[in-house]
Amino acid sequence: MIPTAMLDPTALDLVFRTARTYRAWDGRPVDDATLRELHELMKWGPTTGNSCPARFVFVKSAAAAPVTAIVAYDLAFYEMMPKLAPHTNARSWFADEPLESLRTTALRNGSLQGAYLVIAARALGLDCGPMSGFDNAKVDAEFFAGTTVRSNFLCNLGYGEPSKLHPRAPRLTFDEACRIS
């Protein structure tokens, strides 16, 4: 049997067990090279047919966090399929689909890519504060007007201020969230 590679417990703690959602930051900036490295890591996560519909805008402003990533999805993601899946005509799988079907695929896979962004950010030593509950229409008008790109969620990125954290909230147990059939 070929052994399966695994992350060590320290790495698992960094990206999952001890990682927290931050809402306050220590003021250190996040440099562009780190954002590029972040993308270089997260882009390898799997999506349906390698569709990669997520699009990201990194907004630098001290108003909310050092960086706020707008995690968005492109409804015309299939236009990149000749590059992303050159071994087959994957564009044809999506090009004639109804808009709602395209939206479902783009939102689902763009959300996966947004989760990869959070994991990659944590792996690079950044803290994250993902959020919804914002005005998508205003964000889309400001950053994606005249395109097929739509916002999904925001994720603040930076170096968190641990003294501002609330006590860790519980999570569901296996039996509360899962079943094996």
Protein backbone atom coordinates (compact mmCIF):
# COMPACT_ATOMS: atom_id res chain seq x y z
CA MET A 1 0.00 0.00 0.00
CA ILE A 2 1.28 3.46 -0.89
CA PRO A 3 1.31 5.72 2.19
CA THR A 4 -0.94 8.75 2.04
CA ALA A 5 0.77 12.08 2.66
CA MET A 6 -0.78 14.14 5.43
CA LEU A 7 -0.22 17.55 6.93
CA ASP A 8 1.32 17.48 10.37
CA PRO A 9 -0.83 18.50 13.38
CA THR A 10 0.73 21.97 13.52
CA ALA A 11 -0.29 22.67 9.92
CA LEU A 12 -3.79 21.33 10.55
CA ASP A 13 -4.07 23.61 13.58
CA LEU A 14 -2.95 26.59 11.48
CA VAL A 15 -5.55 26.16 8.77
CA PHE A 16 -8.41 24.65 10.78
CA ARG A 17 -8.35 23.83 14.48
CA THR A 18 -6.92 27.04 15.95
CA ALA A 19 -7.73 29.39 13.07
CA ARG A 20 -10.34 32.00 13.91
CA THR A 21 -12.52 34.52 12.12
CA TYR A 22 -11.02 37.96 12.71
CA ARG A 23 -12.81 41.29 12.76
CA ALA A 24 -9.94 43.41 14.11
CA TRP A 25 -6.44 43.82 12.69
CA ASP A 26 -3.04 44.76 14.09
CA GLY A 27 -2.34 47.36 11.40
CA ARG A 28 0.38 45.56 9.43
CA PRO A 29 -0.16 45.80 5.66
CA VAL A 30 -0.45 42.83 3.33
CA ASP A 31 1.91 43.25 0.41
CA ASP A 32 1.08 42.53 -3.22
CA ALA A 33 3.59 39.66 -3.37
CA THR A 34 1.65 37.87 -0.62
CA LEU A 35 -1.62 38.32 -2.55
CA ARG A 36 0.02 36.88 -5.66
CA GLU A 37 1.38 33.93 -3.65
CA LEU A 38 -2.10 33.45 -2.19
CA HIS A 39 -3.56 33.13 -5.68
CA GLU A 40 -0.76 30.81 -6.77
CA LEU A 41 -1.73 28.41 -3.97
CA MET A 42 -5.52 28.59 -4.11
CA LYS A 43 -5.80 28.23 -7.87
CA TRP A 44 -4.89 24.54 -7.66
CA GLY A 45 -8.06 23.55 -5.78
CA PRO A 46 -10.46 21.39 -7.82
CA THR A 47 -13.59 22.72 -9.53
CA THR A 48 -16.12 21.08 -11.86
CA GLY A 49 -14.33 20.35 -15.14
CA ASN A 50 -11.57 22.72 -13.99
CA SER A 51 -14.03 25.55 -14.67
CA CYS A 52 -12.40 28.01 -12.23
CA PRO A 53 -15.26 30.55 -12.28
CA ALA A 54 -14.04 32.61 -9.29
CA ARG A 55 -12.75 36.11 -9.84
CA PHE A 56 -11.11 38.16 -7.10
CA VAL A 57 -10.64 41.84 -6.45
CA PHE A 58 -8.25 42.71 -3.62
CA VAL A 59 -9.25 46.07 -2.19
CA LYS A 60 -6.61 47.68 0.01
CA SER A 61 -8.07 50.03 2.59
CA ALA A 62 -7.51 50.45 6.31
CA ALA A 63 -11.23 51.19 6.71
CA ALA A 64 -12.20 47.52 7.23
CA ALA A 65 -9.01 45.46 7.04
CA PRO A 66 -5.63 45.68 5.35
CA VAL A 67 -7.22 43.88 2.37
CA THR A 68 -10.79 42.95 1.56
CA ALA A 69 -11.05 40.25 -1.09
CA ILE A 70 -14.20 40.41 -3.15
CA VAL A 71 -14.84 36.79 -4.02
CA ALA A 72 -16.93 36.78 -7.17
CA TYR A 73 -17.91 34.41 -9.96
CA ASP A 74 -18.04 34.84 -13.72
CA LEU A 75 -21.25 33.73 -15.42
CA ALA A 76 -19.27 33.40 -18.67
CA PHE A 77 -16.63 31.18 -17.04
CA TYR A 78 -17.01 28.70 -19.90
CA GLU A 79 -15.22 31.12 -22.25
CA MET A 80 -11.96 30.14 -20.48
CA MET A 81 -12.59 26.41 -20.85
CA PRO A 82 -10.42 25.97 -23.97
CA LYS A 83 -7.47 27.11 -21.84
CA LEU A 84 -8.52 25.30 -18.65
CA ALA A 85 -9.50 21.96 -20.22
CA PRO A 86 -7.58 21.77 -23.52
CA HIS A 87 -7.95 17.99 -23.73
CA THR A 88 -11.69 18.20 -24.50
CA ASN A 89 -14.36 20.56 -25.74
CA ALA A 90 -15.47 21.52 -22.22
CA ARG A 91 -16.80 24.90 -23.39
CA SER A 92 -19.66 23.06 -25.10
CA TRP A 93 -20.71 21.55 -21.76
CA PHE A 94 -21.76 25.00 -20.56
CA ALA A 95 -22.07 27.46 -23.44
CA ASP A 96 -25.72 26.72 -24.27
CA GLU A 97 -26.93 26.19 -20.72
CA PRO A 98 -29.67 28.46 -19.33
CA LEU A 99 -28.45 31.38 -17.22
CA GLU A 100 -29.73 29.83 -13.97
CA SER A 101 -27.76 26.64 -14.62
CA LEU A 102 -24.64 28.69 -15.34
CA ARG A 103 -25.22 30.69 -12.16
CA THR A 104 -25.54 27.50 -10.10
CA THR A 105 -22.29 26.08 -11.49
CA ALA A 106 -20.41 29.37 -11.20
CA LEU A 107 -21.65 30.12 -7.67
CA ARG A 108 -20.97 26.60 -6.40
CA ASN A 109 -17.48 26.36 -7.84
CA GLY A 110 -16.64 30.00 -7.12
CA SER A 111 -17.61 29.35 -3.49
CA LEU A 112 -15.24 26.37 -3.45
CA GLN A 113 -12.50 28.62 -4.76
CA GLY A 114 -13.33 31.18 -2.08
CA ALA A 115 -12.86 28.47 0.55
CA TYR A 116 -9.52 27.56 -1.03
CA LEU A 117 -8.60 31.24 -0.71
CA VAL A 118 -9.29 31.15 3.04
CA ILE A 119 -7.25 27.97 3.52
CA ALA A 120 -4.36 29.29 1.43
CA ALA A 121 -4.42 32.62 3.28
CA ARG A 122 -4.20 30.84 6.62
CA ALA A 123 -1.40 28.63 5.30
CA LEU A 124 0.53 31.80 4.41
CA GLY A 125 0.08 33.24 7.89
CA LEU A 126 -2.79 35.58 7.12
CA ASP A 127 -5.91 35.77 9.23
CA CYS A 128 -9.33 35.87 7.58
CA GLY A 129 -12.73 37.35 8.20
CA PRO A 130 -15.17 36.00 5.58
CA MET A 131 -18.57 37.65 5.50
CA SER A 132 -21.85 38.04 3.70
CA GLY A 133 -24.67 40.43 4.49
CA PHE A 134 -23.46 43.24 2.25
CA ASP A 135 -25.17 44.92 -0.69
CA ASN A 136 -24.13 42.74 -3.64
CA ALA A 137 -25.77 45.07 -6.15
CA LYS A 138 -23.66 48.02 -4.96
CA VAL A 139 -20.46 45.97 -5.00
CA ASP A 140 -21.27 44.67 -8.48
CA ALA A 141 -22.04 48.18 -9.74
CA GLU A 142 -18.77 49.52 -8.33
CA PHE A 143 -16.42 46.71 -9.34
CA PHE A 144 -18.10 44.62 -12.07
CA ALA A 145 -20.34 47.00 -14.06
CA GLY A 146 -20.75 45.92 -17.66
CA THR A 147 -19.31 42.44 -17.04
CA THR A 148 -20.62 38.94 -16.41
CA VAL A 149 -18.96 38.86 -12.99
CA ARG A 150 -21.09 38.90 -9.81
CA SER A 151 -20.01 39.18 -6.18
CA ASN A 152 -20.45 36.20 -3.86
CA PHE A 153 -18.88 37.08 -0.50
CA LEU A 154 -16.18 39.25 1.02
CA CYS A 155 -13.14 38.09 2.96
CA ASN A 156 -11.06 40.46 5.02
CA LEU A 157 -7.39 39.51 5.07
CA GLY A 158 -4.58 40.66 7.30
CA TYR A 159 -2.90 40.01 10.60
CA GLY A 160 -5.56 39.63 13.23
CA GLU A 161 -5.63 41.24 16.64
CA PRO A 162 -6.16 38.25 19.00
CA SER A 163 -7.11 40.43 21.98
CA LYS A 164 -10.31 41.38 20.13
CA LEU A 165 -11.53 37.80 19.57
CA HIS A 166 -14.71 36.52 21.17
CA PRO A 167 -14.61 33.08 22.81
CA ARG A 168 -14.60 30.35 20.20
CA ALA A 169 -18.10 29.27 19.19
CA PRO A 170 -18.97 25.57 19.18
CA ARG A 171 -19.34 23.44 16.07
CA LEU A 172 -21.71 20.59 15.30
CA THR A 173 -20.59 17.09 16.20
CA PHE A 174 -20.20 14.38 13.59
CA ASP A 175 -23.55 12.86 14.59
CA GLU A 176 -25.29 16.24 14.35
CA ALA A 177 -23.95 17.02 10.88
CA CYS A 178 -23.17 13.69 9.25
CA ARG A 179 -24.38 10.21 8.56
CA ILE A 180 -22.80 7.24 6.90
CA SER A 181 -25.06 5.27 4.55
